[in-house]
Amino acid sequence: MSSILIVVLSIVLFFIAYVFYGGWLCKKWGVNTEKETPAHTREDGVDYVPASKGVVLGHHFASIAGAGPITGPIAAAMFGWVPVLLWIVIGSIFFGGVHDFGALMASIRHDGNTIGEVIEKNIGKRGKKLFAIFAWLTLILVVAAFLNIVANTFASTPEAATASMLFIVVAVVFGFSVYRRGLNLIASSVIGIALLAVCIKVGMMFPLSLPATAWMWILLAYIFVASVTPVWILLQPRDYLNSFLLYAMIIGAVLGLLFANPIINPEFVPAFSGFKVNGAYMFPILFVTVACGAISGFHSLVGSGTSSKMVDKETDAKMIGYGGMLIEGVLAVISLVAIGAVGMQQGGAIPTFSIGVGTFMNAFGLPMEVGVPFIALAISAFALTSLDTATRLARFVFQEFFAMAAEDKEKENKFAKTMSNKYIATLLSVSIGGFLGFTDWGTIWPIFGSANQLLSALALLAIGAWLAKEGKNNNMVKIPMIFMFLVTLTALVFVAKDNVASGNYVLVAIATILFVLAIVLIKESYKILFGSKEPAPVAA
């Protein structure tokens, strides 16, 4: 099967979906350019900072992409490229796109607050508390998984490590220049992109070679700082500049495919391998493994945690939320054709993707010794972006939970206020995520995937409850929500069973807690979604 045909057809379908289905969602949800967004009504220069839709899309896409849409499709390819491709396309359009756009809009309509706040307003305070626990545990798993992935990528590709560290310095200078010195965004972007190229060149000349363990400690220090500093000085500018790397990688891959015209080799990836492969069942494993390439609960936390606080106009939300997910779908399709063209490489998904895309770009003259490190650099750049965004979101969720505890029980005010301090919240989140991060990422990934996808079902539940309370049609949310609950609750049972057998009781406990929390949240919200339109009584 021609890779060009697969990628081009997927892009055409995504474009049609963006114009027509995305437009239909805007109409049904009442997206209004005249409404002031929280970035303006609550502007504080730290978290609430209005920005152009290009900047916010850069932050949002760089944050949600991570390594998920690369590792997920490659791992799921064991079932064959046809089922993986179908899920990426259908999932991105009708599941992930609706989820991401809906979470962003729901947050904008709730003063830029997180999905937990949306749940409190539309389901009840107890629902918010349960969701906060669930979201924080999931974010800890995100931190653990991506900490491990980034550290190992830096250790195996030291050129990427040097360039990534230099990127951070460039981002700080860029943020200060644009937001504190008022330099023109376009001119600053051109200079910033030129400096990115310089960083890449310096990285190739002076690779920073350190073991993965050393990188783990460096990254833990970095994400602590990134979580507590104002969004304009590091997070937003770094994500914005990194997004150009991602766009360049995607454009380079598509152009390379046009020149190389590779086929999906059935010896590497057959069209269909069966419903049970290596002891794993297609349902639910395929839908959990592809993860970010079709739908991801982490996206709802990004949309409602950081992106919604920067949206300048409500109409920008379609491009940021729905468009951002469809671009990620394109990346997932490229990842799938990469393993189909070159097969699984030593070292796993990231080397496979890097060599695959490097091979495509070599067809139009880019040397492999330049292309492969560049792709590895781009992957590490947005994996690092997901890592620091996840840490900041874990801090937000942790603070919200203890702020509620302070309100509920006067005698616990002192303790709750201490725990809701941003430095304490960040330190605890980083410490626990770091502890789990020293475990091999392959051990963490199955439960991360299950928790992440279950989080997407809970986010869809919150969006559905908000739409129900507003008297709006929420069928576009309920159908994917029900499917994702079936997928992920089943997957959590499998994860718990597998980890009992291997003796990893920490992950068994996390899987059990997540399962129980999800069931209780479903019970809390059932009447809102399928019966009464009134919110559940507020409970402690």
Protein backbone atom coordinates (compact mmCIF):
# COMPACT_ATOMS: atom_id res chain seq x y z
CA MET A 1 0.00 0.00 0.00
CA SER A 2 1.30 3.47 -0.92
CA SER A 3 2.25 5.63 2.06
CA ILE A 4 1.61 8.77 0.02
CA LEU A 5 -2.00 7.75 -0.60
CA ILE A 6 -2.55 7.03 3.10
CA VAL A 7 -1.10 10.34 4.31
CA VAL A 8 -2.72 12.53 1.63
CA LEU A 9 -6.15 10.91 2.07
CA SER A 10 -5.91 11.34 5.85
CA ILE A 11 -5.00 15.04 5.49
CA VAL A 12 -7.93 15.61 3.08
CA LEU A 13 -10.36 13.94 5.51
CA PHE A 14 -9.00 15.99 8.40
CA PHE A 15 -9.38 19.22 6.40
CA ILE A 16 -13.00 18.40 5.48
CA ALA A 17 -13.75 17.55 9.11
CA TYR A 18 -12.19 20.81 10.33
CA VAL A 19 -14.29 22.93 7.97
CA PHE A 20 -17.64 21.16 8.25
CA TYR A 21 -17.77 19.18 11.51
CA GLY A 22 -15.72 21.77 13.38
CA GLY A 23 -18.02 24.49 12.04
CA TRP A 24 -21.07 22.50 13.11
CA LEU A 25 -19.67 22.15 16.64
CA CYS A 26 -19.11 25.93 16.78
CA LYS A 27 -22.75 26.47 15.87
CA LYS A 28 -24.11 23.93 18.35
CA TRP A 29 -21.96 25.25 21.19
CA GLY A 30 -22.64 28.90 20.46
CA VAL A 31 -19.03 30.00 19.91
CA ASN A 32 -19.18 33.80 19.87
CA THR A 33 -16.43 36.20 18.87
CA GLU A 34 -18.09 39.01 20.87
CA LYS A 35 -17.69 37.29 24.27
CA GLU A 36 -14.69 38.39 26.31
CA THR A 37 -12.41 35.50 27.17
CA PRO A 38 -10.85 34.83 30.62
CA ALA A 39 -7.45 35.88 29.22
CA HIS A 40 -8.87 39.45 29.24
CA THR A 41 -11.33 39.37 32.14
CA ARG A 42 -8.81 37.77 34.54
CA GLU A 43 -5.50 38.91 33.07
CA ASP A 44 -2.79 38.67 35.74
CA GLY A 45 0.47 38.55 33.78
CA VAL A 46 1.29 35.08 35.19
CA ASP A 47 -1.22 32.46 34.04
CA TYR A 48 -3.90 34.60 32.32
CA VAL A 49 -2.08 36.21 29.40
CA PRO A 50 -3.92 36.92 26.10
CA ALA A 51 -1.99 35.84 23.02
CA SER A 52 -2.54 35.49 19.28
CA LYS A 53 -4.11 32.24 18.11
CA GLY A 54 -0.85 31.26 16.41
CA VAL A 55 1.04 31.53 19.69
CA VAL A 56 -1.62 29.65 21.66
CA LEU A 57 -1.85 26.94 18.98
CA GLY A 58 1.94 26.60 19.17
CA HIS A 59 1.81 26.18 22.94
CA HIS A 60 -1.21 23.88 22.82
CA PHE A 61 0.03 21.63 20.02
CA ALA A 62 3.56 21.39 21.39
CA SER A 63 2.12 20.49 24.82
CA ILE A 64 -0.36 17.84 23.67
CA ALA A 65 1.87 16.19 21.05
CA GLY A 66 4.62 14.80 23.26
CA ALA A 67 5.87 11.38 22.26
CA GLY A 68 2.37 9.90 22.43
CA PRO A 69 1.34 10.15 18.76
CA ILE A 70 4.69 8.58 17.81
CA THR A 71 5.05 5.76 20.33
CA GLY A 72 1.33 4.87 20.41
CA PRO A 73 0.68 4.06 16.71
CA ILE A 74 4.03 2.26 16.38
CA ALA A 75 3.26 0.05 19.39
CA ALA A 76 -0.31 -0.58 18.20
CA ALA A 77 0.91 -1.55 14.69
CA MET A 78 1.18 -5.14 15.94
CA PHE A 79 -2.56 -5.40 15.12
CA GLY A 80 -1.97 -4.23 11.54
CA TRP A 81 -1.91 -0.83 9.86
CA VAL A 82 -5.57 -0.83 8.76
CA PRO A 83 -7.19 -0.90 12.24
CA VAL A 84 -4.64 1.60 13.57
CA LEU A 85 -5.22 3.99 10.65
CA LEU A 86 -9.01 3.75 10.98
CA TRP A 87 -8.85 4.53 14.68
CA ILE A 88 -6.47 7.47 14.18
CA VAL A 89 -8.73 9.08 11.54
CA ILE A 90 -12.11 8.32 13.12
CA GLY A 91 -10.81 8.93 16.61
CA SER A 92 -9.19 12.29 15.80
CA ILE A 93 -12.31 13.62 14.03
CA PHE A 94 -15.16 12.36 16.21
CA PHE A 95 -13.48 11.58 19.54
CA GLY A 96 -10.26 13.52 20.17
CA GLY A 97 -11.25 16.64 18.24
CA VAL A 98 -14.60 16.91 20.03
CA HIS A 99 -12.91 16.20 23.37
CA ASP A 100 -10.16 18.82 22.94
CA PHE A 101 -12.39 21.54 21.47
CA GLY A 102 -15.08 20.85 24.06
CA ALA A 103 -12.68 20.97 27.00
CA LEU A 104 -11.23 24.26 25.78
CA MET A 105 -14.68 25.82 25.29
CA ALA A 106 -16.01 24.53 28.61
CA SER A 107 -13.02 26.05 30.40
CA ILE A 108 -13.39 29.38 28.57
CA ARG A 109 -17.04 29.51 29.63
CA HIS A 110 -15.98 28.79 33.25
CA ASP A 111 -13.46 31.65 33.65
CA GLY A 112 -10.53 29.63 32.34
CA ASN A 113 -10.80 27.13 35.18
CA THR A 114 -9.90 23.46 34.92
CA ILE A 115 -12.20 20.58 34.05
CA GLY A 116 -12.47 19.98 37.80
CA GLU A 117 -14.15 23.38 38.21
CA VAL A 118 -16.48 22.55 35.30
CA ILE A 119 -17.48 19.38 37.13
CA GLU A 120 -18.14 21.28 40.38
CA LYS A 121 -20.41 23.79 38.65
CA ASN A 122 -22.36 21.18 36.70
CA ILE A 123 -22.19 17.99 38.77
CA GLY A 124 -21.20 18.96 42.32
CA LYS A 125 -18.31 19.54 44.71
CA ARG A 126 -17.85 15.85 45.52
CA GLY A 127 -17.48 15.14 41.81
CA LYS A 128 -14.81 17.83 41.58
CA LYS A 129 -12.85 16.33 44.48
CA LEU A 130 -12.94 12.87 42.95
CA PHE A 131 -11.89 14.21 39.58
CA ALA A 132 -9.04 16.21 41.13
CA ILE A 133 -7.61 13.04 42.70
CA PHE A 134 -8.01 11.17 39.41
CA ALA A 135 -6.45 13.96 37.33
CA TRP A 136 -3.50 14.40 39.69
CA LEU A 137 -2.70 10.67 39.66
CA THR A 138 -2.88 10.67 35.86
CA LEU A 139 -0.59 13.69 35.62
CA ILE A 140 1.92 12.02 37.93
CA LEU A 141 1.95 9.09 35.49
CA VAL A 142 2.43 11.54 32.59
CA VAL A 143 5.40 13.11 34.39
CA ALA A 144 6.88 9.69 35.14
CA ALA A 145 6.48 8.37 31.58
CA PHE A 146 7.78 11.46 29.76
CA LEU A 147 10.59 12.04 32.27
CA ASN A 148 11.85 8.58 31.42
CA ILE A 149 11.38 9.03 27.65
CA VAL A 150 13.13 12.44 27.53
CA ALA A 151 16.05 11.32 29.72
CA ASN A 152 16.66 8.24 27.57
CA THR A 153 16.36 10.29 24.36
CA PHE A 154 18.92 12.80 25.65
CA ALA A 155 21.25 9.98 26.70
CA SER A 156 21.03 8.24 23.30
CA THR A 157 21.05 11.47 21.23
CA PRO A 158 23.32 13.95 23.05
CA GLU A 159 23.02 16.43 20.14
CA ALA A 160 19.34 16.80 21.01
CA ALA A 161 20.24 17.35 24.68
CA THR A 162 22.54 20.28 23.92
CA ALA A 163 20.08 21.90 21.54
CA SER A 164 17.17 21.48 23.98
CA MET A 165 19.08 23.14 26.81
CA LEU A 166 19.98 26.05 24.51
CA PHE A 167 16.31 26.29 23.42
CA ILE A 168 15.38 27.11 27.01
CA VAL A 169 17.71 30.13 27.03
CA VAL A 170 16.36 31.32 23.66
CA ALA A 171 12.77 30.96 24.94
CA VAL A 172 13.45 33.10 28.02
CA VAL A 173 15.01 35.85 25.90
CA PHE A 174 12.11 35.63 23.41
CA GLY A 175 9.48 35.85 26.16
CA PHE A 176 11.16 38.80 27.83
CA SER A 177 11.59 40.62 24.49
CA VAL A 178 7.98 40.18 23.36
CA TYR A 179 6.10 40.55 26.66
CA ARG A 180 8.27 43.01 28.54
CA ARG A 181 9.97 45.00 25.79
CA GLY A 182 7.10 44.96 23.31
CA LEU A 183 9.10 43.73 20.33
CA ASN A 184 7.11 42.81 17.22
CA LEU A 185 5.94 39.17 17.31
CA ILE A 186 6.70 38.44 13.65
CA ALA A 187 10.20 39.94 13.80
CA SER A 188 10.88 38.18 17.11
CA SER A 189 9.63 34.89 15.63
CA VAL A 190 12.00 35.17 12.67
CA ILE A 191 14.93 35.85 14.99
CA GLY A 192 13.80 33.08 17.35
CA ILE A 193 13.57 30.52 14.54
CA ALA A 194 17.04 31.54 13.29
CA LEU A 195 18.38 31.02 16.81
CA LEU A 196 16.73 27.59 16.92
CA ALA A 197 18.73 26.68 13.83
CA VAL A 198 21.87 27.91 15.56
CA CYS A 199 21.04 25.78 18.62
CA ILE A 200 20.64 22.71 16.41
CA LYS A 201 24.02 23.38 14.75
CA VAL A 202 25.74 23.92 18.11
CA GLY A 203 24.11 20.74 19.42
CA MET A 204 25.58 18.74 16.56
CA MET A 205 29.00 20.30 17.12
CA PHE A 206 29.03 19.92 20.92
CA PRO A 207 26.85 16.98 21.99
CA LEU A 208 26.24 16.91 25.75
CA SER A 209 26.76 13.28 26.65
CA LEU A 210 25.41 12.26 30.08
CA PRO A 211 23.83 9.04 31.36
CA ALA A 212 20.03 8.83 31.54
CA THR A 213 20.09 8.92 35.35
CA ALA A 214 21.91 12.26 35.35
CA TRP A 215 19.38 13.66 32.88
CA MET A 216 16.56 12.51 35.14
CA TRP A 217 17.87 14.68 37.99
CA ILE A 218 18.49 17.67 35.69
CA LEU A 219 15.00 17.38 34.23
CA LEU A 220 13.42 17.15 37.69
CA ALA A 221 15.06 20.47 38.61
CA TYR A 222 13.99 22.02 35.30
CA ILE A 223 10.30 21.04 35.54
CA PHE A 224 10.13 22.39 39.09
CA VAL A 225 11.31 25.80 37.87
CA ALA A 226 9.08 25.67 34.75
CA SER A 227 6.02 24.97 36.92
CA VAL A 228 6.35 28.00 39.19
CA THR A 229 7.61 30.72 36.84
CA PRO A 230 5.19 33.04 34.95
CA VAL A 231 3.83 31.41 31.79
CA TRP A 232 5.10 34.24 29.54
CA ILE A 233 8.77 33.87 30.46
CA LEU A 234 9.32 30.18 29.65
CA LEU A 235 6.35 27.89 28.99
CA GLN A 236 4.51 29.93 26.37
CA PRO A 237 7.54 31.16 24.33
CA ARG A 238 9.33 27.79 24.44
CA ASP A 239 6.23 25.94 23.28
CA TYR A 240 5.59 28.53 20.57
CA LEU A 241 9.12 28.33 19.18
CA ASN A 242 9.22 24.54 19.49
CA SER A 243 6.02 24.30 17.46
CA PHE A 244 7.99 25.47 14.42
CA LEU A 245 10.24 22.45 14.85
CA LEU A 246 7.16 20.24 14.86
CA TYR A 247 5.66 21.89 11.80
CA ALA A 248 9.01 21.60 9.99
CA MET A 249 9.22 17.92 10.90
CA ILE A 250 5.69 17.20 9.63
CA ILE A 251 6.20 19.20 6.41
CA GLY A 252 9.59 17.54 5.86
CA ALA A 253 8.08 14.10 6.39
CA VAL A 254 5.20 14.74 3.95
CA LEU A 255 7.57 16.16 1.30
CA GLY A 256 9.92 13.24 1.86
CA LEU A 257 7.05 10.81 1.30
CA LEU A 258 6.26 12.51 -2.02
CA PHE A 259 9.87 12.05 -3.15
CA ALA A 260 10.50 8.60 -1.66
CA ASN A 261 7.08 7.08 -2.40
CA PRO A 262 7.59 4.21 0.10
CA ILE A 263 5.14 1.37 0.51
CA ILE A 264 3.98 -0.18 3.75
CA ASN A 265 5.92 -3.42 3.71
CA PRO A 266 3.64 -6.30 4.82
CA GLU A 267 6.71 -8.04 6.27
CA PHE A 268 7.08 -5.12 8.68
CA VAL A 269 3.41 -4.30 9.29
CA PRO A 270 0.63 -6.41 7.75
CA ALA A 271 -2.74 -4.87 6.92
CA PHE A 272 -4.38 -6.90 9.70
CA SER A 273 -2.73 -9.26 12.18
CA GLY A 274 -5.76 -10.53 14.07
CA PHE A 275 -7.95 -9.68 17.04
CA LYS A 276 -5.46 -11.27 19.46
CA VAL A 277 -1.73 -10.69 19.01
CA ASN A 278 1.00 -11.78 21.46
CA GLY A 279 -1.67 -12.41 24.08
CA ALA A 280 -3.17 -8.91 23.73
CA TYR A 281 -6.75 -8.34 22.55
CA MET A 282 -7.48 -5.61 20.01
CA PHE A 283 -10.28 -4.44 22.28
CA PRO A 284 -9.34 -2.63 24.45
CA ILE A 285 -5.56 -2.59 23.84
CA LEU A 286 -5.56 -0.90 20.41
CA PHE A 287 -7.65 2.05 21.64
CA VAL A 288 -5.52 2.52 24.74
CA THR A 289 -2.16 2.10 23.02
CA VAL A 290 -2.70 4.59 20.16
CA ALA A 291 -3.56 7.11 22.92
CA CYS A 292 -2.70 10.68 21.90
CA GLY A 293 -2.92 9.83 18.20
CA ALA A 294 -6.72 9.62 18.42
CA ILE A 295 -7.88 10.91 21.83
CA SER A 296 -6.10 11.78 25.07
CA GLY A 297 -7.39 12.93 28.43
CA PHE A 298 -4.17 14.85 28.98
CA HIS A 299 -5.30 17.22 26.20
CA SER A 300 -8.32 18.28 28.27
CA LEU A 301 -6.02 19.23 31.14
CA VAL A 302 -3.83 21.28 28.80
CA GLY A 303 -6.84 22.94 27.17
CA SER A 304 -8.50 23.79 30.48
CA GLY A 305 -5.30 24.28 32.47
CA THR A 306 -3.13 26.59 30.36
CA SER A 307 -4.48 27.17 26.83
CA SER A 308 -7.89 28.52 27.90
CA LYS A 309 -6.14 31.20 29.95
CA MET A 310 -4.42 32.57 26.83
CA VAL A 311 -7.19 32.47 24.17
CA ASP A 312 -7.78 35.96 22.79
CA LYS A 313 -11.17 35.31 21.11
CA GLU A 314 -13.65 32.44 21.45
CA THR A 315 -13.49 31.82 17.71
CA ASP A 316 -9.78 31.02 18.09
CA ALA A 317 -10.77 27.91 20.07
CA LYS A 318 -11.74 25.93 16.97
CA MET A 319 -8.27 26.21 15.45
CA ILE A 320 -6.51 25.62 18.78
CA GLY A 321 -8.66 22.77 20.13
CA TYR A 322 -10.12 20.98 17.11
CA GLY A 323 -7.35 21.94 14.67
CA GLY A 324 -4.59 21.06 17.12
CA MET A 325 -5.97 17.53 17.51
CA LEU A 326 -6.23 17.02 13.75
CA ILE A 327 -2.59 18.09 13.29
CA GLU A 328 -1.68 15.51 15.90
CA GLY A 329 -3.66 12.96 13.90
CA VAL A 330 -1.45 13.75 10.88
CA LEU A 331 1.63 13.13 13.04
CA ALA A 332 0.19 9.79 14.16
CA VAL A 333 -0.42 8.72 10.55
CA ILE A 334 3.18 9.64 9.62
CA SER A 335 4.37 7.57 12.59
CA LEU A 336 2.37 4.59 11.33
CA VAL A 337 3.77 4.78 7.78
CA ALA A 338 7.30 5.19 9.19
CA ILE A 339 7.24 1.77 10.86
CA GLY A 340 5.54 0.35 7.78
CA ALA A 341 8.39 1.60 5.59
CA VAL A 342 11.47 0.74 7.70
CA GLY A 343 10.20 -1.73 10.32
CA MET A 344 10.81 -1.64 14.06
CA GLN A 345 14.33 -0.40 14.78
CA GLN A 346 16.58 -1.20 17.71
CA GLY A 347 15.69 1.07 20.62
CA GLY A 348 11.94 1.12 19.99
CA ALA A 349 9.45 3.66 18.71
CA ILE A 350 11.48 6.89 18.73
CA PRO A 351 14.48 5.51 16.77
CA THR A 352 12.00 3.86 14.40
CA PHE A 353 10.25 7.15 13.74
CA SER A 354 13.53 9.10 13.48
CA ILE A 355 15.08 6.68 10.99
CA GLY A 356 11.83 6.36 9.04
CA VAL A 357 11.30 10.10 8.60
CA GLY A 358 15.04 10.64 8.10
CA THR A 359 14.89 8.11 5.26
CA PHE A 360 11.93 9.94 3.69
CA MET A 361 13.74 13.30 3.84
CA ASN A 362 16.92 11.75 2.46
CA ALA A 363 14.95 11.28 -0.78
CA PHE A 364 14.99 15.05 -1.38
CA GLY A 365 18.64 15.44 -0.48
CA LEU A 366 18.81 15.86 3.32
CA PRO A 367 21.66 13.62 4.58
CA MET A 368 20.68 10.90 7.04
CA GLU A 369 23.34 12.12 9.49
CA VAL A 370 21.48 15.45 9.65
CA GLY A 371 17.87 14.27 9.28
CA VAL A 372 17.85 11.55 11.95
CA PRO A 373 19.31 13.74 14.77
CA PHE A 374 16.95 16.57 13.73
CA ILE A 375 13.92 14.29 14.10
CA ALA A 376 15.17 12.98 17.45
CA LEU A 377 15.64 16.60 18.55
CA ALA A 378 12.10 17.53 17.52
CA ILE A 379 10.66 14.54 19.38
CA SER A 380 12.62 15.34 22.53
CA ALA A 381 11.57 18.99 22.25
CA PHE A 382 7.87 18.31 22.37
CA ALA A 383 8.23 15.44 24.85
CA LEU A 384 9.96 17.96 27.13
CA THR A 385 7.12 20.41 26.47
CA SER A 386 4.55 17.81 27.55
CA LEU A 387 6.66 17.10 30.61
CA ASP A 388 6.83 20.67 31.91
CA THR A 389 3.18 21.36 31.02
CA ALA A 390 2.09 18.22 32.89
CA THR A 391 4.03 19.37 35.96
CA ARG A 392 2.37 22.79 35.89
CA LEU A 393 -1.06 21.16 35.52
CA ALA A 394 -0.35 18.78 38.40
CA ARG A 395 0.45 21.85 40.48
CA PHE A 396 -2.84 23.52 39.48
CA VAL A 397 -4.89 20.42 40.32
CA PHE A 398 -3.09 19.86 43.64
CA GLN A 399 -3.64 23.48 44.66
CA GLU A 400 -7.33 23.37 43.71
CA PHE A 401 -7.91 20.24 45.78
CA PHE A 402 -6.42 21.67 48.96
CA ALA A 403 -8.08 25.03 48.37
CA MET A 404 -11.38 23.13 48.55
CA ALA A 405 -10.26 21.38 51.74
CA ALA A 406 -9.46 24.76 53.29
CA GLU A 407 -12.96 26.01 52.48
CA ASP A 408 -14.67 22.89 53.81
CA LYS A 409 -13.02 22.46 57.19
CA GLU A 410 -11.94 25.50 59.18
CA LYS A 411 -9.72 23.50 61.53
CA GLU A 412 -7.63 22.25 58.58
CA ASN A 413 -7.11 25.68 57.09
CA LYS A 414 -3.46 25.99 58.07
CA PHE A 415 -2.49 22.58 56.69
CA ALA A 416 -4.59 23.00 53.53
CA LYS A 417 -3.18 26.46 52.85
CA THR A 418 0.34 25.12 53.23
CA MET A 419 -0.38 22.26 50.82
CA SER A 420 -1.96 24.62 48.28
CA ASN A 421 1.22 26.73 48.16
CA LYS A 422 2.52 26.50 44.58
CA TYR A 423 6.03 25.54 45.66
CA ILE A 424 4.84 22.76 47.97
CA ALA A 425 2.34 21.50 45.36
CA THR A 426 5.07 21.44 42.71
CA LEU A 427 7.67 19.79 44.96
CA LEU A 428 5.34 16.93 45.91
CA SER A 429 4.19 16.41 42.31
CA VAL A 430 7.76 16.42 40.98
CA SER A 431 9.03 14.12 43.76
CA ILE A 432 6.38 11.43 43.30
CA GLY A 433 6.50 11.66 39.50
CA GLY A 434 10.28 11.42 39.68
CA PHE A 435 10.13 8.37 41.94
CA LEU A 436 7.93 6.54 39.42
CA GLY A 437 10.01 7.93 36.56
CA PHE A 438 13.03 5.88 37.58
CA THR A 439 10.96 2.83 36.59
CA ASP A 440 11.31 1.72 32.98
CA TRP A 441 8.85 3.66 30.77
CA GLY A 442 7.63 0.39 29.20
CA THR A 443 6.29 -0.61 32.62
CA ILE A 444 4.56 2.73 33.16
CA TRP A 445 3.12 3.13 29.64
CA PRO A 446 0.23 0.57 29.90
CA ILE A 447 -1.23 2.15 33.04
CA PHE A 448 -0.48 5.66 31.76
CA GLY A 449 -2.38 4.82 28.57
CA SER A 450 -5.35 3.40 30.47
CA ALA A 451 -5.48 6.29 32.95
CA ASN A 452 -5.04 8.86 30.20
CA GLN A 453 -7.85 7.43 28.08
CA LEU A 454 -10.13 7.08 31.09
CA LEU A 455 -9.43 10.71 31.87
CA SER A 456 -10.69 11.55 28.37
CA ALA A 457 -13.97 9.78 29.16
CA LEU A 458 -14.29 11.78 32.38
CA ALA A 459 -13.55 15.03 30.54
CA LEU A 460 -16.25 14.16 27.98
CA LEU A 461 -18.55 13.50 30.93
CA ALA A 462 -17.85 16.99 32.29
CA ILE A 463 -18.38 18.60 28.86
CA GLY A 464 -21.62 16.67 28.42
CA ALA A 465 -22.88 17.79 31.83
CA TRP A 466 -22.07 21.42 31.00
CA LEU A 467 -23.90 21.22 27.66
CA ALA A 468 -26.87 19.50 29.32
CA LYS A 469 -27.14 22.23 31.93
CA GLU A 470 -26.98 24.83 29.16
CA GLY A 471 -29.81 23.04 27.34
CA LYS A 472 -27.58 22.23 24.34
CA ASN A 473 -27.26 19.05 22.27
CA ASN A 474 -24.58 16.82 23.83
CA ASN A 475 -24.96 13.61 21.78
CA MET A 476 -21.66 14.36 20.01
CA VAL A 477 -20.06 14.03 23.45
CA LYS A 478 -22.07 11.17 25.00
CA ILE A 479 -21.40 8.61 22.27
CA PRO A 480 -17.58 8.82 22.40
CA MET A 481 -17.77 9.08 26.21
CA ILE A 482 -19.61 5.75 26.56
CA PHE A 483 -17.18 4.03 24.19
CA MET A 484 -14.13 5.35 26.03
CA PHE A 485 -15.50 4.24 29.40
CA LEU A 486 -15.99 0.71 28.04
CA VAL A 487 -12.47 0.67 26.58
CA THR A 488 -10.60 2.05 29.56
CA LEU A 489 -12.38 0.35 32.43
CA THR A 490 -11.73 -2.97 30.68
CA ALA A 491 -8.09 -1.99 30.12
CA LEU A 492 -7.58 -1.10 33.79
CA VAL A 493 -8.73 -4.60 34.78
CA PHE A 494 -6.12 -6.06 32.41
CA VAL A 495 -3.42 -3.72 33.77
CA ALA A 496 -4.19 -4.64 37.38
CA LYS A 497 -4.15 -8.36 36.50
CA ASP A 498 -0.81 -8.10 34.67
CA ASN A 499 0.86 -6.15 37.48
CA VAL A 500 -0.39 -8.57 40.14
CA ALA A 501 1.36 -11.31 38.16
CA SER A 502 4.59 -9.26 37.98
CA GLY A 503 4.40 -8.17 41.62
CA ASN A 504 4.21 -4.42 40.90
CA TYR A 505 1.64 -3.63 43.59
CA VAL A 506 2.09 0.17 43.41
CA LEU A 507 0.66 0.16 39.88
CA VAL A 508 -2.02 -2.34 40.94
CA ALA A 509 -3.10 0.09 43.67
CA ILE A 510 -3.15 3.04 41.24
CA ALA A 511 -5.19 1.05 38.70
CA THR A 512 -7.69 0.05 41.40
CA ILE A 513 -8.06 3.60 42.72
CA LEU A 514 -8.59 4.98 39.20
CA PHE A 515 -11.23 2.33 38.44
CA VAL A 516 -13.19 3.04 41.63
CA LEU A 517 -12.99 6.83 41.18
CA ALA A 518 -14.30 6.52 37.63
CA ILE A 519 -17.28 4.39 38.69
CA VAL A 520 -18.21 6.84 41.46
CA LEU A 521 -17.97 9.80 39.06
CA ILE A 522 -20.22 8.03 36.55
CA LYS A 523 -22.77 7.50 39.31
CA GLU A 524 -22.51 11.15 40.39
CA SER A 525 -23.22 12.47 36.92
CA TYR A 526 -25.64 9.93 35.46
CA LYS A 527 -28.78 11.95 36.16
CA ILE A 528 -27.27 15.10 34.72
CA LEU A 529 -26.37 13.44 31.44
CA PHE A 530 -29.30 11.09 30.97
CA GLY A 531 -32.04 12.42 33.20
CA SER A 532 -32.53 15.62 35.17
CA LYS A 533 -30.81 18.72 33.80
CA GLU A 534 -30.26 20.12 37.29
CA PRO A 535 -26.83 19.74 38.87
CA ALA A 536 -26.33 17.28 41.69
CA PRO A 537 -26.52 18.64 45.25
CA VAL A 538 -23.25 20.08 46.50
CA ALA A 539 -21.67 17.64 48.92
CA ALA A 540 -18.54 17.74 51.01
